[in-house]
Protein backbone atom coordinates (compact mmCIF):
# COMPACT_ATOMS: atom_id res chain seq x y z
CA UNK A 1 -16.12 -36.80 -83.05
CA UNK A 2 -16.04 -38.88 -80.56
CA UNK A 3 -19.71 -39.85 -78.30
CA UNK A 4 -18.15 -37.40 -75.15
CA UNK A 5 -17.68 -34.62 -77.75
CA UNK A 6 -20.81 -34.81 -79.43
CA UNK A 7 -23.08 -35.03 -75.90
CA UNK A 8 -20.52 -31.52 -74.33
CA UNK A 9 -21.69 -30.00 -77.53
CA UNK A 10 -24.91 -31.01 -77.62
CA UNK A 11 -24.81 -29.88 -73.36
CA UNK A 12 -23.94 -26.37 -75.00
CA UNK A 13 -26.53 -25.96 -77.60
CA UNK A 14 -28.79 -26.88 -74.44
CA UNK A 15 -26.99 -24.06 -72.58
CA UNK A 16 -27.68 -21.83 -74.73
CA UNK A 17 -30.83 -22.44 -75.73
CA UNK A 18 -32.36 -22.34 -72.40
CA UNK A 19 -30.28 -19.01 -71.63
CA UNK A 20 -31.88 -17.51 -74.67
CA UNK A 21 -35.21 -18.35 -73.73
CA UNK A 22 -34.59 -16.36 -70.17
CA UNK A 23 -33.47 -13.79 -71.21
CA UNK A 24 -37.12 -13.99 -74.30
CA UNK A 25 -39.09 -14.30 -71.18
CA UNK A 26 -37.58 -11.51 -69.14
CA UNK A 27 -37.91 -9.14 -72.18
CA UNK A 28 -34.20 -8.78 -73.03
CA UNK A 29 -34.17 -10.00 -76.66
CA UNK A 30 -31.16 -8.52 -77.40
CA UNK A 31 -29.36 -10.62 -75.17
CA UNK A 32 -31.11 -13.58 -76.36
CA UNK A 33 -30.07 -12.82 -80.12
CA UNK A 34 -26.36 -13.95 -80.66
CA UNK A 35 -27.25 -16.93 -78.38
CA UNK A 36 -29.79 -17.98 -81.20
CA UNK A 37 -27.48 -17.01 -83.97
CA UNK A 38 -25.17 -18.99 -82.74
CA UNK A 39 -27.32 -22.09 -82.19
CA UNK A 40 -28.26 -21.13 -85.82
CA UNK A 41 -24.77 -21.02 -87.52
CA UNK A 42 -23.69 -24.45 -85.53
CA UNK A 43 -26.84 -26.10 -87.75
CA UNK A 44 -28.09 -24.29 -90.03
CA UNK A 45 -30.30 -27.32 -90.37
CA UNK A 46 -32.24 -27.54 -87.14
CA UNK A 47 -35.83 -25.86 -87.42
CA UNK A 48 -35.61 -25.34 -83.96
CA UNK A 49 -33.06 -22.99 -83.81
CA UNK A 50 -34.39 -21.49 -87.04
CA UNK A 51 -37.57 -20.54 -84.94
CA UNK A 52 -36.27 -19.34 -82.00
CA UNK A 53 -34.06 -17.14 -84.43
CA UNK A 54 -36.86 -16.00 -85.59
CA UNK A 55 -38.94 -15.41 -82.67
CA UNK A 56 -36.22 -13.16 -81.34
CA UNK A 57 -36.20 -10.77 -84.49
CA UNK A 58 -39.40 -10.70 -84.51
CA UNK A 59 -39.45 -9.61 -80.45
CA UNK A 60 -36.96 -6.57 -81.84
CA UNK A 61 -39.29 -5.82 -84.70
CA UNK A 62 -36.91 -6.64 -87.36
CA UNK A 63 -39.50 -9.01 -89.16
CA UNK A 64 -38.19 -8.72 -92.42
CA UNK A 65 -34.72 -10.93 -91.31
CA UNK A 66 -37.62 -13.33 -89.02
CA UNK A 67 -39.26 -13.53 -92.18
CA UNK A 68 -36.23 -14.92 -94.65
CA UNK A 69 -35.23 -17.44 -92.28
CA UNK A 70 -39.03 -18.86 -91.94
CA UNK A 71 -39.27 -18.74 -95.28
CA UNK A 72 -36.24 -20.55 -96.39
CA UNK A 73 -37.98 -23.84 -93.75
CA UNK A 74 -40.76 -23.28 -96.60
CA UNK A 75 -38.92 -23.30 -99.74
CA UNK A 76 -36.47 -26.56 -97.52
CA UNK A 77 -40.01 -28.20 -96.59
CA UNK A 78 -39.11 -28.40 -93.01
CA UNK A 79 -42.01 -25.59 -91.66
CA UNK A 80 -43.71 -26.94 -88.65
CA UNK A 81 -47.10 -24.99 -87.46
CA UNK A 82 -44.31 -22.23 -85.45
CA UNK A 83 -42.72 -21.43 -88.55
CA UNK A 84 -46.53 -21.14 -90.07
CA UNK A 85 -47.43 -18.87 -86.93
CA UNK A 86 -44.36 -16.66 -86.92
CA UNK A 87 -44.11 -15.77 -90.53
CA UNK A 88 -48.25 -14.84 -90.27
CA UNK A 89 -46.68 -12.43 -87.23
CA UNK A 90 -44.33 -10.96 -89.30
CA UNK A 91 -45.85 -10.81 -92.23
CA UNK A 92 -48.18 -8.93 -90.43
CA UNK A 93 -45.81 -6.72 -88.88
CA UNK A 94 -44.20 -5.96 -92.92
CA UNK A 95 -48.17 -4.89 -94.00
CA UNK A 96 -48.41 -8.12 -96.04
CA UNK A 97 -52.06 -8.94 -95.28
CA UNK A 98 -52.79 -11.16 -97.20
CA UNK A 99 -50.03 -13.30 -97.36
CA UNK A 100 -49.89 -13.05 -92.94
CA UNK A 101 -53.69 -14.15 -93.76
CA UNK A 102 -52.83 -17.38 -95.67
CA UNK A 103 -49.69 -18.35 -93.68
CA UNK A 104 -52.35 -18.04 -90.74
CA UNK A 105 -54.96 -20.69 -92.63
CA UNK A 106 -51.51 -23.07 -93.28
CA UNK A 107 -50.72 -22.95 -89.64
CA UNK A 108 -54.58 -24.24 -88.67
CA UNK A 109 -54.22 -26.51 -90.87
CA UNK A 110 -51.17 -28.47 -90.32
CA UNK A 111 -51.54 -28.02 -86.56
CA UNK A 112 -55.11 -29.30 -86.81
CA UNK A 113 -53.75 -32.09 -88.91
CA UNK A 114 -50.67 -33.13 -86.19
CA UNK A 115 -53.59 -32.60 -83.31
CA UNK A 116 -55.38 -35.56 -85.21
CA UNK A 117 -52.63 -37.96 -85.24
CA UNK A 118 -51.80 -36.96 -81.97
CA UNK A 119 -55.60 -37.88 -80.78
CA UNK A 120 -55.38 -41.52 -82.89
């Protein structure tokens, strides 16, 4: 793949991402879902695409599917504070409160650690 092809692919992914967010912001997660599924399929290692897909699944009340995606990020040690927050929300929807509480505690700890490093 040459630089031009890579740039075009990147622009296409950005367009899909923006359209997906627009759908989410306008209460249409069912329209955002195929866009974020495609982005996740294009690059399964893209943490942002995985989190976007999980967020969309939460909007659609598909917490079990969201947890599967988020747990993979945790296993792969690529979880961000957003991963932990979304995971906590999904676990609450599934009624798994002890696990949800742990995810929220990790979210706060990781977020605070990142805020500390940004401030210094």
